[in-house]
Amino acid sequence: MEDKKELKVIDLRKIAKLIWSNKRLFSKTITFAFVLACIYIFSLPRFYTTNTKLAPEMESTLGKGSISSIASSLGFDIGELQTTDAITPLLYPDLMEDNGFITNLFQIKVKSKDGKINTTYYNYLKNFQKASWWSTIFGSKKEEARISSIDAYNLSKRDDEIVSSIRDNISLQVNSKSGVISISVQDQDPFICKCLTDSVRDKLQEYITNYRTNKARTDYNYYKELTLNAKREYEKVRRQYANMADASTNVKLRSVELKMEDVENDMQLKFNTYTNLNNQLQAAKAKVQERTPAFTILKGAAVPIKPAGPKRMIFVAVMTLLTFLGTIVWIIRKEISEVFA
């Protein structure tokens, strides 16, 4: 004997009548959800966003074409290896993961348009951020920030929260094809938002410049020290030669003449050494300038006019719609369970 499953269908008329009979429930739940959503979303502070685009100078690969052609004929592709930088532009967004880079932003001076806020970015985040009413109930008291005592890699719980907040507020992206760096910043004050975007761009330029010129500056300082030492040695021997020449003006002894010749030769050697090192010093100085990258600002940060969020009307509409659908499911739950039983 075969088991026959009874085919059950949903009676749409019955469901429609059931929904209509509970129209008062809809008015209550939707009104309650609307009011609750408004209270919640209007308690959240609004924020603004702005962005800037930066194009750093890329290292030239001139002179490497022949090497690339030879390698290509042998089946090797060295296109990705034609840079001496350990940190490529694609790795710049990872700087936001470094506490040291983030804490360098603490000392940025920020000022609101009305002038009521004029302090460091760290103190601004710590004491001047707007929050929802339920957060202020359990919020901490305002206190003067001491940036000098902060250890970037040994943060307190409060400072770690501030660092995390900065990571959430600042977005750093690099176009893998064009190399254009996009910096986007979010903040509660539109004027501070623009100011912070410019400051982050300057800090990034400073970091890239320091990294690209680090080796050249080390070489320059090395040759500078050698040149100063060589100059001191040369001047010492020159003074010795001058003193000997003055003392032996009327002396015709051969031994004195030989000693004078030895000192003169030593002075010439010291002078040659000083000259060579000074030439290398000037070359190292030119190398620092050569390694210093140039930056082109493709898009400057503008003071945002309209807030970027939270989207109050969309949030209220979505919450109201979800409440409406949830109420329908609650009303017809028995009919649905009977169909799938």
C-alpha atoms as a PDB file:
ATOM      1  CA  MET A   1       0.000   0.000   0.000  1.00  0.00           C
ATOM      2  CA  GLU A   2       1.477   3.271  -1.043  1.00  0.00           C
ATOM      3  CA  ASP A   3       1.608   6.255   1.329  1.00  0.00           C
ATOM      4  CA  LYS A   4      -0.041   9.247  -0.140  1.00  0.00           C
ATOM      5  CA  LYS A   5       1.006  12.636   1.123  1.00  0.00           C
ATOM      6  CA  GLU A   6      -1.749  15.149   1.267  1.00  0.00           C
ATOM      7  CA  LEU A   7      -0.887  18.247  -0.705  1.00  0.00           C
ATOM      8  CA  LYS A   8      -1.395  21.325   1.443  1.00  0.00           C
ATOM      9  CA  VAL A   9      -1.778  24.784   0.010  1.00  0.00           C
ATOM     10  CA  ILE A  10      -1.825  28.213   1.585  1.00  0.00           C
ATOM     11  CA  ASP A  11      -5.216  29.921   1.557  1.00  0.00           C
ATOM     12  CA  LEU A  12      -4.299  33.491   0.618  1.00  0.00           C
ATOM     13  CA  ARG A  13      -7.830  34.764   1.322  1.00  0.00           C
ATOM     14  CA  LYS A  14      -7.726  33.369   4.814  1.00  0.00           C
ATOM     15  CA  ILE A  15      -4.317  34.913   5.406  1.00  0.00           C
ATOM     16  CA  ALA A  16      -5.458  38.282   4.042  1.00  0.00           C
ATOM     17  CA  LYS A  17      -8.469  38.290   6.362  1.00  0.00           C
ATOM     18  CA  LEU A  18      -6.271  37.256   9.260  1.00  0.00           C
ATOM     19  CA  ILE A  19      -3.861  40.093   8.567  1.00  0.00           C
ATOM     20  CA  TRP A  20      -6.673  42.616   8.178  1.00  0.00           C
ATOM     21  CA  SER A  21      -8.246  41.546  11.432  1.00  0.00           C
ATOM     22  CA  ASN A  22      -4.986  42.358  13.215  1.00  0.00           C
ATOM     23  CA  LYS A  23      -4.616  45.842  11.759  1.00  0.00           C
ATOM     24  CA  ARG A  24      -4.517  47.318  15.253  1.00  0.00           C
ATOM     25  CA  LEU A  25      -1.524  45.131  16.055  1.00  0.00           C
ATOM     26  CA  PHE A  26       0.198  46.530  12.964  1.00  0.00           C
ATOM     27  CA  SER A  27      -0.462  50.091  14.038  1.00  0.00           C
ATOM     28  CA  LYS A  28       0.991  49.397  17.473  1.00  0.00           C
ATOM     29  CA  THR A  29       4.105  47.516  16.367  1.00  0.00           C
ATOM     30  CA  ILE A  30       4.922  49.836  13.476  1.00  0.00           C
ATOM     31  CA  THR A  31       4.396  52.940  15.616  1.00  0.00           C
ATOM     32  CA  PHE A  32       6.546  51.467  18.370  1.00  0.00           C
ATOM     33  CA  ALA A  33       9.296  50.486  15.902  1.00  0.00           C
ATOM     34  CA  PHE A  34       9.174  53.905  14.228  1.00  0.00           C
ATOM     35  CA  VAL A  35       9.511  55.784  17.522  1.00  0.00           C
ATOM     36  CA  LEU A  36      12.224  53.459  18.828  1.00  0.00           C
ATOM     37  CA  ALA A  37      14.184  53.686  15.574  1.00  0.00           C
ATOM     38  CA  CYS A  38      13.955  57.493  15.613  1.00  0.00           C
ATOM     39  CA  ILE A  39      15.119  57.680  19.219  1.00  0.00           C
ATOM     40  CA  TYR A  40      18.063  55.407  18.445  1.00  0.00           C
ATOM     41  CA  ILE A  41      19.235  56.861  15.134  1.00  0.00           C
ATOM     42  CA  PHE A  42      18.785  60.522  16.126  1.00  0.00           C
ATOM     43  CA  SER A  43      20.848  59.881  19.257  1.00  0.00           C
ATOM     44  CA  LEU A  44      23.850  58.869  17.169  1.00  0.00           C
ATOM     45  CA  PRO A  45      26.166  61.775  16.225  1.00  0.00           C
ATOM     46  CA  ARG A  46      26.448  62.581  12.536  1.00  0.00           C
ATOM     47  CA  PHE A  47      29.777  62.290  10.760  1.00  0.00           C
ATOM     48  CA  TYR A  48      31.372  63.704   7.622  1.00  0.00           C
ATOM     49  CA  THR A  49      33.850  62.290   5.150  1.00  0.00           C
ATOM     50  CA  THR A  50      36.301  63.805   2.703  1.00  0.00           C
ATOM     51  CA  ASN A  51      39.182  62.447   0.672  1.00  0.00           C
ATOM     52  CA  THR A  52      42.310  63.417  -1.188  1.00  0.00           C
ATOM     53  CA  LYS A  53      44.331  61.724  -3.925  1.00  0.00           C
ATOM     54  CA  LEU A  54      48.091  61.717  -4.123  1.00  0.00           C
ATOM     55  CA  ALA A  55      50.443  60.503  -6.858  1.00  0.00           C
ATOM     56  CA  PRO A  56      53.996  59.797  -5.613  1.00  0.00           C
ATOM     57  CA  GLU A  57      56.958  59.793  -7.958  1.00  0.00           C
ATOM     58  CA  MET A  58      57.732  56.259  -9.060  1.00  0.00           C
ATOM     59  CA  GLU A  59      61.320  55.066  -9.340  1.00  0.00           C
ATOM     60  CA  SER A  60      62.550  55.213 -12.905  1.00  0.00           C
ATOM     61  CA  THR A  61      63.500  51.976 -14.579  1.00  0.00           C
ATOM     62  CA  LEU A  62      65.485  53.615 -17.377  1.00  0.00           C
ATOM     63  CA  GLY A  63      68.593  51.690 -18.263  1.00  0.00           C
ATOM     64  CA  LYS A  64      67.080  48.381 -17.248  1.00  0.00           C
ATOM     65  CA  GLY A  65      65.356  47.672 -20.522  1.00  0.00           C
ATOM     66  CA  SER A  66      68.268  45.703 -21.936  1.00  0.00           C
ATOM     67  CA  ILE A  67      68.457  43.530 -18.833  1.00  0.00           C
ATOM     68  CA  SER A  68      64.711  42.959 -18.984  1.00  0.00           C
ATOM     69  CA  SER A  69      64.928  42.022 -22.669  1.00  0.00           C
ATOM     70  CA  ILE A  70      67.693  39.486 -22.055  1.00  0.00           C
ATOM     71  CA  ALA A  71      65.817  37.974 -19.128  1.00  0.00           C
ATOM     72  CA  SER A  72      62.624  37.827 -21.180  1.00  0.00           C
ATOM     73  CA  SER A  73      64.414  35.950 -23.979  1.00  0.00           C
ATOM     74  CA  LEU A  74      65.518  33.386 -21.408  1.00  0.00           C
ATOM     75  CA  GLY A  75      62.011  32.969 -20.065  1.00  0.00           C
ATOM     76  CA  PHE A  76      62.287  35.123 -16.955  1.00  0.00           C
ATOM     77  CA  ASP A  77      60.124  38.107 -16.046  1.00  0.00           C
ATOM     78  CA  ILE A  78      61.911  40.601 -13.815  1.00  0.00           C
ATOM     79  CA  GLY A  79      59.364  43.376 -14.294  1.00  0.00           C
ATOM     80  CA  GLU A  80      58.287  43.118 -10.677  1.00  0.00           C
ATOM     81  CA  LEU A  81      61.865  43.127  -9.433  1.00  0.00           C
ATOM     82  CA  GLN A  82      62.927  46.428 -10.998  1.00  0.00           C
ATOM     83  CA  THR A  83      62.738  48.371  -7.776  1.00  0.00           C
ATOM     84  CA  THR A  84      65.169  48.725  -4.924  1.00  0.00           C
ATOM     85  CA  ASP A  85      62.461  49.654  -2.428  1.00  0.00           C
ATOM     86  CA  ALA A  86      61.556  47.047   0.165  1.00  0.00           C
ATOM     87  CA  ILE A  87      58.268  48.836   0.797  1.00  0.00           C
ATOM     88  CA  THR A  88      56.290  49.219  -2.413  1.00  0.00           C
ATOM     89  CA  PRO A  89      53.335  51.636  -2.708  1.00  0.00           C
ATOM     90  CA  LEU A  90      50.962  48.669  -2.436  1.00  0.00           C
ATOM     91  CA  LEU A  91      52.142  48.182   1.152  1.00  0.00           C
ATOM     92  CA  TYR A  92      51.393  51.753   2.252  1.00  0.00           C
ATOM     93  CA  PRO A  93      47.886  50.842   3.513  1.00  0.00           C
ATOM     94  CA  ASP A  94      49.557  48.427   5.946  1.00  0.00           C
ATOM     95  CA  LEU A  95      51.022  51.460   7.719  1.00  0.00           C
ATOM     96  CA  MET A  96      47.653  51.884   9.388  1.00  0.00           C
ATOM     97  CA  GLU A  97      48.323  48.619  11.231  1.00  0.00           C
ATOM     98  CA  ASP A  98      51.436  50.069  12.863  1.00  0.00           C
ATOM     99  CA  ASN A  99      50.836  51.707  16.234  1.00  0.00           C
ATOM    100  CA  GLY A 100      53.899  53.887  15.710  1.00  0.00           C
ATOM    101  CA  PHE A 101      52.436  55.486  12.579  1.00  0.00           C
ATOM    102  CA  ILE A 102      49.045  55.966  14.259  1.00  0.00           C
ATOM    103  CA  THR A 103      50.460  57.563  17.401  1.00  0.00           C
ATOM    104  CA  ASN A 104      52.388  60.026  15.211  1.00  0.00           C
ATOM    105  CA  LEU A 105      48.968  61.465  14.351  1.00  0.00           C
ATOM    106  CA  PHE A 106      48.237  62.234  18.017  1.00  0.00           C
ATOM    107  CA  GLN A 107      50.074  65.560  17.913  1.00  0.00           C
ATOM    108  CA  ILE A 108      48.229  66.901  14.865  1.00  0.00           C
ATOM    109  CA  LYS A 109      46.633  70.255  15.692  1.00  0.00           C
ATOM    110  CA  VAL A 110      42.893  70.346  14.934  1.00  0.00           C
ATOM    111  CA  LYS A 111      40.543  73.293  15.131  1.00  0.00           C
ATOM    112  CA  SER A 112      36.814  73.510  14.590  1.00  0.00           C
ATOM    113  CA  LYS A 113      35.312  76.179  12.368  1.00  0.00           C
ATOM    114  CA  ASP A 114      33.791  78.075  15.302  1.00  0.00           C
ATOM    115  CA  GLY A 115      37.088  77.925  17.210  1.00  0.00           C
ATOM    116  CA  LYS A 116      35.596  76.216  20.262  1.00  0.00           C
ATOM    117  CA  ILE A 117      37.875  73.232  19.707  1.00  0.00           C
ATOM    118  CA  ASN A 118      41.568  73.995  19.310  1.00  0.00           C
ATOM    119  CA  THR A 119      43.715  71.143  20.559  1.00  0.00           C
ATOM    120  CA  THR A 120      45.607  68.017  19.520  1.00  0.00           C
ATOM    121  CA  TYR A 121      43.880  65.216  17.641  1.00  0.00           C
ATOM    122  CA  TYR A 122      44.508  62.871  20.571  1.00  0.00           C
ATOM    123  CA  ASN A 123      42.885  65.213  23.076  1.00  0.00           C
ATOM    124  CA  TYR A 124      40.047  65.863  20.628  1.00  0.00           C
ATOM    125  CA  LEU A 125      39.246  62.160  20.334  1.00  0.00           C
ATOM    126  CA  LYS A 126      39.578  61.666  24.057  1.00  0.00           C
ATOM    127  CA  ASN A 127      37.531  64.592  25.350  1.00  0.00           C
ATOM    128  CA  PHE A 128      35.535  66.261  22.573  1.00  0.00           C
ATOM    129  CA  GLN A 129      33.822  63.419  20.710  1.00  0.00           C
ATOM    130  CA  LYS A 130      30.032  63.420  20.689  1.00  0.00           C
ATOM    131  CA  ALA A 131      28.373  60.183  21.726  1.00  0.00           C
ATOM    132  CA  SER A 132      24.904  58.737  22.195  1.00  0.00           C
ATOM    133  CA  TRP A 133      23.072  59.584  25.415  1.00  0.00           C
ATOM    134  CA  TRP A 134      23.420  56.041  26.749  1.00  0.00           C
ATOM    135  CA  SER A 135      27.185  56.171  26.235  1.00  0.00           C
ATOM    136  CA  THR A 136      27.575  59.431  28.130  1.00  0.00           C
ATOM    137  CA  ILE A 137      25.942  57.898  31.190  1.00  0.00           C
ATOM    138  CA  PHE A 138      28.860  55.515  31.604  1.00  0.00           C
ATOM    139  CA  GLY A 139      31.416  57.749  29.898  1.00  0.00           C
ATOM    140  CA  SER A 140      34.705  58.712  31.520  1.00  0.00           C
ATOM    141  CA  LYS A 141      35.481  62.198  32.756  1.00  0.00           C
ATOM    142  CA  LYS A 142      37.481  64.636  30.687  1.00  0.00           C
ATOM    143  CA  GLU A 143      41.162  64.759  31.489  1.00  0.00           C
ATOM    144  CA  GLU A 144      44.173  66.487  30.027  1.00  0.00           C
ATOM    145  CA  ALA A 145      46.049  64.268  27.596  1.00  0.00           C
ATOM    146  CA  ARG A 146      49.782  63.664  28.013  1.00  0.00           C
ATOM    147  CA  ILE A 147      51.051  62.541  24.634  1.00  0.00           C
ATOM    148  CA  SER A 148      54.714  62.525  25.632  1.00  0.00           C
ATOM    149  CA  SER A 149      54.171  59.661  28.067  1.00  0.00           C
ATOM    150  CA  ILE A 150      52.459  57.376  25.551  1.00  0.00           C
ATOM    151  CA  ASP A 151      54.317  54.252  24.463  1.00  0.00           C
ATOM    152  CA  ALA A 152      53.072  53.294  20.994  1.00  0.00           C
ATOM    153  CA  TYR A 153      53.643  49.599  21.623  1.00  0.00           C
ATOM    154  CA  ASN A 154      52.510  49.498  25.247  1.00  0.00           C
ATOM    155  CA  LEU A 155      49.178  51.301  25.227  1.00  0.00           C
ATOM    156  CA  SER A 156      46.619  51.578  27.968  1.00  0.00           C
ATOM    157  CA  LYS A 157      43.117  50.286  27.344  1.00  0.00           C
ATOM    158  CA  ARG A 158      41.790  53.796  26.684  1.00  0.00           C
ATOM    159  CA  ASP A 159      44.655  54.691  24.337  1.00  0.00           C
ATOM    160  CA  ASP A 160      44.223  51.408  22.469  1.00  0.00           C
ATOM    161  CA  GLU A 161      40.561  52.308  21.920  1.00  0.00           C
ATOM    162  CA  ILE A 162      41.627  55.681  20.525  1.00  0.00           C
ATOM    163  CA  VAL A 163      44.120  54.010  18.168  1.00  0.00           C
ATOM    164  CA  SER A 164      41.396  51.626  16.981  1.00  0.00           C
ATOM    165  CA  SER A 165      39.076  54.583  16.465  1.00  0.00           C
ATOM    166  CA  ILE A 166      41.668  56.307  14.278  1.00  0.00           C
ATOM    167  CA  ARG A 167      42.063  53.139  12.191  1.00  0.00           C
ATOM    168  CA  ASP A 168      38.291  53.111  11.659  1.00  0.00           C
ATOM    169  CA  ASN A 169      38.200  56.816  10.746  1.00  0.00           C
ATOM    170  CA  ILE A 170      41.082  56.802   8.253  1.00  0.00           C
ATOM    171  CA  SER A 171      41.131  54.764   5.058  1.00  0.00           C
ATOM    172  CA  LEU A 172      44.294  54.459   2.953  1.00  0.00           C
ATOM    173  CA  GLN A 173      44.113  52.776  -0.449  1.00  0.00           C
ATOM    174  CA  VAL A 174      46.508  52.453  -3.385  1.00  0.00           C
ATOM    175  CA  ASN A 175      45.541  51.823  -6.998  1.00  0.00           C
ATOM    176  CA  SER A 176      47.668  48.868  -8.086  1.00  0.00           C
ATOM    177  CA  LYS A 177      47.779  50.062 -11.725  1.00  0.00           C
ATOM    178  CA  SER A 178      48.271  53.818 -11.466  1.00  0.00           C
ATOM    179  CA  GLY A 179      49.899  53.949  -8.026  1.00  0.00           C
ATOM    180  CA  VAL A 180      47.542  56.750  -6.942  1.00  0.00           C
ATOM    181  CA  ILE A 181      47.113  56.913  -3.167  1.00  0.00           C
ATOM    182  CA  SER A 182      43.596  57.696  -1.912  1.00  0.00           C
ATOM    183  CA  ILE A 183      43.174  58.947   1.656  1.00  0.00           C
ATOM    184  CA  SER A 184      39.670  59.116   3.097  1.00  0.00           C
ATOM    185  CA  VAL A 185      38.921  60.491   6.570  1.00  0.00           C
ATOM    186  CA  GLN A 186      35.751  60.408   8.647  1.00  0.00           C
ATOM    187  CA  ASP A 187      35.025  62.790  11.512  1.00  0.00           C
ATOM    188  CA  GLN A 188      32.171  64.444  13.367  1.00  0.00           C
ATOM    189  CA  ASP A 189      33.305  67.975  12.489  1.00  0.00           C
ATOM    190  CA  PRO A 190      33.554  68.871   8.764  1.00  0.00           C
ATOM    191  CA  PHE A 191      36.366  71.409   9.251  1.00  0.00           C
ATOM    192  CA  ILE A 192      38.437  69.012  11.383  1.00  0.00           C
ATOM    193  CA  CYS A 193      37.733  66.290   8.838  1.00  0.00           C
ATOM    194  CA  LYS A 194      39.361  68.363   6.101  1.00  0.00           C
ATOM    195  CA  CYS A 195      42.247  69.446   8.353  1.00  0.00           C
ATOM    196  CA  LEU A 196      42.948  65.867   9.389  1.00  0.00           C
ATOM    197  CA  THR A 197      42.936  64.652   5.777  1.00  0.00           C
ATOM    198  CA  ASP A 198      45.615  67.183   4.848  1.00  0.00           C
ATOM    199  CA  SER A 199      47.669  66.257   7.920  1.00  0.00           C
ATOM    200  CA  VAL A 200      47.508  62.517   7.193  1.00  0.00           C
ATOM    201  CA  ARG A 201      48.616  63.236   3.617  1.00  0.00           C
ATOM    202  CA  ASP A 202      51.569  65.282   4.917  1.00  0.00           C
ATOM    203  CA  LYS A 203      52.517  62.567   7.417  1.00  0.00           C
ATOM    204  CA  LEU A 204      52.418  59.940   4.663  1.00  0.00           C
ATOM    205  CA  GLN A 205      54.590  62.093   2.393  1.00  0.00           C
ATOM    206  CA  GLU A 206      57.036  62.574   5.252  1.00  0.00           C
ATOM    207  CA  TYR A 207      57.150  58.836   5.921  1.00  0.00           C
ATOM    208  CA  ILE A 208      57.694  57.958   2.253  1.00  0.00           C
ATOM    209  CA  THR A 209      60.399  60.625   1.914  1.00  0.00           C
ATOM    210  CA  ASN A 210      62.233  59.453   5.044  1.00  0.00           C
ATOM    211  CA  TYR A 211      62.087  55.868   3.864  1.00  0.00           C
ATOM    212  CA  ARG A 212      63.245  56.592   0.310  1.00  0.00           C
ATOM    213  CA  THR A 213      66.135  58.822   1.473  1.00  0.00           C
ATOM    214  CA  ASN A 214      67.183  56.837   4.535  1.00  0.00           C
ATOM    215  CA  LYS A 215      70.160  55.077   2.893  1.00  0.00           C
ATOM    216  CA  ALA A 216      71.264  58.255   1.077  1.00  0.00           C
ATOM    217  CA  ARG A 217      71.084  60.313   4.267  1.00  0.00           C
ATOM    218  CA  THR A 218      73.087  57.675   6.152  1.00  0.00           C
ATOM    219  CA  ASP A 219      75.785  57.818   3.465  1.00  0.00           C
ATOM    220  CA  TYR A 220      75.744  61.618   3.530  1.00  0.00           C
ATOM    221  CA  ASN A 221      76.222  61.735   7.311  1.00  0.00           C
ATOM    222  CA  TYR A 222      79.030  59.168   7.012  1.00  0.00           C
ATOM    223  CA  TYR A 223      80.934  61.179   4.393  1.00  0.00           C
ATOM    224  CA  LYS A 224      80.241  64.378   6.302  1.00  0.00           C
ATOM    225  CA  GLU A 225      81.984  62.995   9.388  1.00  0.00           C
ATOM    226  CA  LEU A 226      84.927  61.709   7.326  1.00  0.00           C
ATOM    227  CA  THR A 227      85.224  65.053   5.552  1.00  0.00           C
ATOM    228  CA  LEU A 228      85.256  66.995   8.825  1.00  0.00           C
ATOM    229  CA  ASN A 229      87.951  64.691  10.235  1.00  0.00           C
ATOM    230  CA  ALA A 230      90.020  65.014   7.051  1.00  0.00           C
ATOM    231  CA  LYS A 231      89.680  68.802   7.154  1.00  0.00           C
ATOM    232  CA  ARG A 232      90.846  68.917  10.759  1.00  0.00           C
ATOM    233  CA  GLU A 233      93.850  66.710   9.936  1.00  0.00           C
ATOM    234  CA  TYR A 234      94.736  68.880   6.941  1.00  0.00           C
ATOM    235  CA  GLU A 235      94.465  72.114   8.906  1.00  0.00           C
ATOM    236  CA  LYS A 236      96.589  70.637  11.682  1.00  0.00           C
ATOM    237  CA  VAL A 237      99.383  69.687   9.259  1.00  0.00           C
ATOM    238  CA  ARG A 238      99.105  73.040   7.487  1.00  0.00           C
ATOM    239  CA  ARG A 239      99.570  74.918  10.745  1.00  0.00           C
ATOM    240  CA  GLN A 240     102.553  72.687  11.535  1.00  0.00           C
ATOM    241  CA  TYR A 241     104.083  73.429   8.138  1.00  0.00           C
ATOM    242  CA  ALA A 242     103.484  77.158   8.529  1.00  0.00           C
ATOM    243  CA  ASN A 243     105.130  77.182  11.980  1.00  0.00           C
ATOM    244  CA  MET A 244     108.145  75.265  10.661  1.00  0.00           C
ATOM    245  CA  ALA A 245     108.455  77.591   7.675  1.00  0.00           C
ATOM    246  CA  ASP A 246     108.422  80.642   9.919  1.00  0.00           C
ATOM    247  CA  ALA A 247     110.952  79.149  12.309  1.00  0.00           C
ATOM    248  CA  SER A 248     113.438  78.109   9.580  1.00  0.00           C
ATOM    249  CA  THR A 249     113.394  81.240   7.429  1.00  0.00           C
ATOM    250  CA  ASN A 250     117.099  81.924   7.814  1.00  0.00           C
ATOM    251  CA  VAL A 251     118.155  78.311   8.400  1.00  0.00           C
ATOM    252  CA  LYS A 252     120.001  76.544   5.537  1.00  0.00           C
ATOM    253  CA  LEU A 253     120.438  73.092   7.117  1.00  0.00           C
ATOM    254  CA  ARG A 254     119.724  70.132   4.836  1.00  0.00           C
ATOM    255  CA  SER A 255     118.025  68.224   7.648  1.00  0.00           C
ATOM    256  CA  VAL A 256     115.558  71.064   8.150  1.00  0.00           C
ATOM    257  CA  GLU A 257     114.819  71.197   4.426  1.00  0.00           C
ATOM    258  CA  LEU A 258     114.115  67.444   4.340  1.00  0.00           C
ATOM    259  CA  LYS A 259     111.812  67.710   7.318  1.00  0.00           C
ATOM    260  CA  MET A 260     110.031  70.584   5.641  1.00  0.00           C
ATOM    261  CA  GLU A 261     109.601  68.491   2.500  1.00  0.00           C
ATOM    262  CA  ASP A 262     108.152  65.605   4.558  1.00  0.00           C
ATOM    263  CA  VAL A 263     105.647  67.896   6.242  1.00  0.00           C
ATOM    264  CA  GLU A 264     104.763  69.490   2.923  1.00  0.00           C
ATOM    265  CA  ASN A 265     104.185  66.060   1.325  1.00  0.00           C
ATOM    266  CA  ASP A 266     102.054  65.012   4.299  1.00  0.00           C
ATOM    267  CA  MET A 267     100.088  68.234   3.982  1.00  0.00           C
ATOM    268  CA  GLN A 268      99.525  67.561   0.270  1.00  0.00           C
ATOM    269  CA  LEU A 269      98.310  64.021   1.033  1.00  0.00           C
ATOM    270  CA  LYS A 270      95.936  65.343   3.695  1.00  0.00           C
ATOM    271  CA  PHE A 271      94.683  67.954   1.251  1.00  0.00           C
ATOM    272  CA  ASN A 272      94.089  65.332  -1.458  1.00  0.00           C
ATOM    273  CA  THR A 273      92.220  63.126   1.001  1.00  0.00           C
ATOM    274  CA  TYR A 274      90.102  66.062   2.135  1.00  0.00           C
ATOM    275  CA  THR A 275      89.368  67.053  -1.480  1.00  0.00           C
ATOM    276  CA  ASN A 276      88.321  63.522  -2.464  1.00  0.00           C
ATOM    277  CA  LEU A 277      86.100  63.112   0.561  1.00  0.00           C
ATOM    278  CA  ASN A 278      84.523  66.513  -0.028  1.00  0.00           C
ATOM    279  CA  ASN A 279      83.712  65.466  -3.600  1.00  0.00           C
ATOM    280  CA  GLN A 280      82.091  62.289  -2.292  1.00  0.00           C
ATOM    281  CA  LEU A 281      80.199  64.357   0.274  1.00  0.00           C
ATOM    282  CA  GLN A 282      78.755  66.573  -2.445  1.00  0.00           C
ATOM    283  CA  ALA A 283      77.826  63.490  -4.462  1.00  0.00           C
ATOM    284  CA  ALA A 284      76.085  61.987  -1.415  1.00  0.00           C
ATOM    285  CA  LYS A 285      74.221  65.266  -0.889  1.00  0.00           C
ATOM    286  CA  ALA A 286      73.065  65.177  -4.494  1.00  0.00           C
ATOM    287  CA  LYS A 287      71.977  61.569  -3.994  1.00  0.00           C
ATOM    288  CA  VAL A 288      69.713  62.610  -1.113  1.00  0.00           C
ATOM    289  CA  GLN A 289      68.032  65.126  -3.399  1.00  0.00           C
ATOM    290  CA  GLU A 290      67.781  62.538  -6.156  1.00  0.00           C
ATOM    291  CA  ARG A 291      66.129  60.004  -3.850  1.00  0.00           C
ATOM    292  CA  THR A 292      63.671  62.558  -2.449  1.00  0.00           C
ATOM    293  CA  PRO A 293      60.365  61.781  -4.194  1.00  0.00           C
ATOM    294  CA  ALA A 294      58.093  64.412  -5.651  1.00  0.00           C
ATOM    295  CA  PHE A 295      54.361  64.273  -4.981  1.00  0.00           C
ATOM    296  CA  THR A 296      51.471  65.483  -7.086  1.00  0.00           C
ATOM    297  CA  ILE A 297      48.150  66.211  -5.417  1.00  0.00           C
ATOM    298  CA  LEU A 298      45.522  65.030  -7.876  1.00  0.00           C
ATOM    299  CA  LYS A 299      42.604  65.940  -5.636  1.00  0.00           C
ATOM    300  CA  GLY A 300      42.687  68.208  -2.624  1.00  0.00           C
ATOM    301  CA  ALA A 301      40.547  67.599   0.431  1.00  0.00           C
ATOM    302  CA  ALA A 302      37.453  69.801   0.617  1.00  0.00           C
ATOM    303  CA  VAL A 303      35.342  70.702   3.633  1.00  0.00           C
ATOM    304  CA  PRO A 304      32.284  68.411   3.369  1.00  0.00           C
ATOM    305  CA  ILE A 305      28.922  70.144   3.270  1.00  0.00           C
ATOM    306  CA  LYS A 306      26.498  67.284   3.853  1.00  0.00           C
ATOM    307  CA  PRO A 307      26.968  64.589   6.501  1.00  0.00           C
ATOM    308  CA  ALA A 308      27.831  61.128   5.226  1.00  0.00           C
ATOM    309  CA  GLY A 309      25.895  59.329   7.932  1.00  0.00           C
ATOM    310  CA  PRO A 310      24.199  57.846   9.696  1.00  0.00           C
ATOM    311  CA  LYS A 311      21.467  57.572   7.064  1.00  0.00           C
ATOM    312  CA  ARG A 312      18.544  58.365   9.334  1.00  0.00           C
ATOM    313  CA  MET A 313      15.629  58.106   6.907  1.00  0.00           C
ATOM    314  CA  ILE A 314      16.922  54.873   5.384  1.00  0.00           C
ATOM    315  CA  PHE A 315      17.451  53.339   8.831  1.00  0.00           C
ATOM    316  CA  VAL A 316      13.962  54.281  10.034  1.00  0.00           C
ATOM    317  CA  ALA A 317      12.393  53.005   6.795  1.00  0.00           C
ATOM    318  CA  VAL A 318      14.256  49.680   6.968  1.00  0.00           C
ATOM    319  CA  MET A 319      13.385  49.133  10.632  1.00  0.00           C
ATOM    320  CA  THR A 320       9.728  49.945   9.937  1.00  0.00           C
ATOM    321  CA  LEU A 321       9.639  47.527   6.997  1.00  0.00           C
ATOM    322  CA  LEU A 322      11.267  44.763   9.029  1.00  0.00           C
ATOM    323  CA  THR A 323       8.740  45.295  11.804  1.00  0.00           C
ATOM    324  CA  PHE A 324       5.903  45.107   9.282  1.00  0.00           C
ATOM    325  CA  LEU A 325       7.203  41.835   7.840  1.00  0.00           C
ATOM    326  CA  GLY A 326       7.917  40.427  11.287  1.00  0.00           C
ATOM    327  CA  THR A 327       4.372  41.193  12.397  1.00  0.00           C
ATOM    328  CA  ILE A 328       2.971  39.375   9.359  1.00  0.00           C
ATOM    329  CA  VAL A 329       5.091  36.305  10.133  1.00  0.00           C
ATOM    330  CA  TRP A 330       3.920  36.394  13.752  1.00  0.00           C
ATOM    331  CA  ILE A 331       0.244  36.538  12.729  1.00  0.00           C
ATOM    332  CA  ILE A 332       0.367  33.705  10.177  1.00  0.00           C
ATOM    333  CA  ARG A 333       2.862  31.529  12.053  1.00  0.00           C
ATOM    334  CA  LYS A 334       0.215  28.856  12.719  1.00  0.00           C
ATOM    335  CA  GLU A 335      -0.822  28.629   9.074  1.00  0.00           C
ATOM    336  CA  ILE A 336       2.828  28.368   8.017  1.00  0.00           C
ATOM    337  CA  SER A 337       3.523  25.624  10.546  1.00  0.00           C
ATOM    338  CA  GLU A 338       0.506  23.638   9.365  1.00  0.00           C
ATOM    339  CA  VAL A 339       1.685  23.786   5.744  1.00  0.00           C
ATOM    340  CA  PHE A 340       5.209  22.562   6.514  1.00  0.00           C
ATOM    341  CA  ALA A 341       4.166  20.088   9.223  1.00  0.00           C
END
